Amino acid sequence: MVSETSQCQSKNVCVIGAGPSGLVAARELRKEGHEVVVLEQNHDVGGQWLYEANVEGEDPLGRNHFLKVHSSIYKSLRLTSPREIMGFSDFPFSVKKGRDMRRFPSHTELLLYLKDFCDCFGLREKIRFNTRVDYVGMLDYGVCGNDLKWVVRSIDKKSEKVVEEVFDAVVVATGHYSQPRLPSSVKGMDTWKRKQMHSHIYRTPEPFRNETVVVVGNSLSGQDISIELVEVAKEVHMSSRSLKISEGLSKVISKHENFHLHPQIDTLQEDGRVTFVDGSSIVADSILYCTGYSYAFPFLDTKGMVVIDDDRVGPLYEHTFPPSLAPSLSFIGIPRKIIGFPFFESQAIWIAQLLSGKKVLPSWEEMMKSIKEFYHSRDAAGIPKHSTHEIADFEYCDKYGENVGFPRIEEWRKELCLSALINSDVNLETYRDSWDDHELLQEALQSPHFTQLPLQDDSALFSSSNLTSRGNQYQKRRFPDVQPLDEWPKTISTEGEKCFLKIANLKSVFYLLRNLFYNTFLPRLDSRDYITNIDRFCLYDLGVGNKISIPDLIYNHWKTCLMQKKNARISPVPYAMLITRLMKKRGIDTTAFPKSPEEGVADSFNIKKIKIDSFITSTKVKPKPFE
């Protein structure tokens, strides 16, 4: 059982990987007030979803200790789940004009979603790109608990500079679709002279034109790739563990004379002959292994406290925490067969709160007992060890989220997920473009998940990492009366809680908030708290009657937030924008400032008061919610 404490701590945390799990980990860690560094081996965010067309130099079977190519995405790949179920809880994967608007879009659209998420929450400035992690190990072996620290050695791929740092905690978020898993039962793999490769480096069907190709495995990727190959290859022979295949795959095979189904491979002959376990054989030009992926952490040295045994990473409490090393070491994104993004988010929240001291894990004995009971239940159910982390259970995900009060998976999300799986099973070639779940789709689009205030569209523009020409152009379009941030003069100084400043016009409101937050390290409110606190603390609990100056409004809200949220950080300009938007919506003239600057302490401005009767008539009447 997870317990709570009132203790709050700030840790220096290294997140390895800037894919979906790494990005949401970085966001939640920052919310809890931790210092975060994200190490990413590629040139941009996205992880698995950052398509890499060039696979030259990679071992075709992926047998290198450190892979040169991380992404296993092929050029034509489209999502196998509808976009509605995939977004983070407060950042829906919405349709955007000018982009791929399909329900099952291409991999590029999901990458753009992750870039939007990264920019919205100001994460890019925390990421070191083109940085490969070479080693992670304990600083002082034998030290456990809260005193455990980690040495992280990384290499800049461009300069080859080696950097060694010490962190309070490490979050491993490197994904699980990169290290090829190969069949162990095929004889002759090492001596077969013709082309063999794992689907990890498959990109397009063109290299297989007019060839006889054996595709090993009938997973969704194996099926997708076979459907592509059958249009250009001379013959496609799919080798499967079982000849009991889905209705959808059966339809595809029946449509093509050059598409054949076989049992497992027994032997590969040096002359190119492939013999199957039923005794049949064909001569092939190429073999493509669509046999899945293994977990691999070649950089991680835990002195045997975390091992990988037939794709079981363990021991891990709730697939996340090694009992002997948690919470200073944790893994995010290990589970498979789940609705990934919301689950990663709940993992990230739990990790962040454990490191801050808000939550406490069970004892080592209790965690080990839970792990052993889980292993026993899987064995009793006949589930092989290599499927340990395949969850396929909505109830487990909901129970996991309860550890941090994370919302349960919405019913529409569950039903859309199952609907897509059933449709793909029956209509393999068409399920992405033809569906019959229109009522569920409408329920989803009308749910709070999609109708929540779209903060991300605006706040992305004003994070400190986004003050570029593109951001300024967008700002001018959305707020033509506001001067771009990088053109504003600096006219503020701070002295403890007393802020001396000059107020001249609307530009100064944004400028004021930017400096208040940056110069005094103000706490961050997460997006779900923005409007609640603006309404409640500024306009109601403050007890300002029916008159208030905008500087007083901003300053008092800042003070209240400082008391309420001490362990988080906020990108200041989105906050300034929101509070100004609120005032405009409530009928306040935000341009009614004196033309000549007046100096004064922030909580005692001698500035013309602005009547706000339109939205607050009495200190006893709570204003209506922000619309």
Foldseek 3Di string as FASTA:
>chain_A
DKDFDPFFDEWAEEEEAQALLSLLLVLLLQQQFYHYAYEAQAPDHHQQLPDDQDQPPFDQAQPDQDTPDRHLDAAADWALAFQLLQDAQQQGLAADPPDQRFRGGHSVSVSVSSVLSCLLRVNPVRYDYNKAWQAKDWPDPPDADQVIKIWTWIARNPVRDIDIDITSAYEYENAWFGRHDDDPQEAPPVQADAAEGESSNHHALVVQAQWEEEEEEDDLVSLVVQLRNLVGYPAYEYEDQDPDAFQQSVVSQVVGPRYYYHYAWRYADNQQWTARPVGDIDRGRYYYYHPTGADHDSRYDYVPLWDADLRATDDAQLQWHRQGHPPRYTYAHSAPQDSHNHLSSLSSNVSSCVSRRRMDDDHSVVSVVVSVVLVVVCVVVVHDNNNSRHDNDQVSSQVSSVSPVRDRRDPLSVVSRVQSVVQCSNNVVPSSPDGDPVVSVVVSCPDCSNVPDNLSVPSSLQFPVNLDPVSQVVCCVVPVPEHRPVPDDDAWDDDPLWIKGKDAFLNVLLVVQQCVCVVVVAFADPPVCLQVLLQPQQAAPVFPAFKDDPLLSVSRSSVVSCVVGVRHGHRRNSSSVVSVVQCVVLPWDRGPWDNDIDIDTSNDDPTDITGRCSFHHGSVDRGDTDD
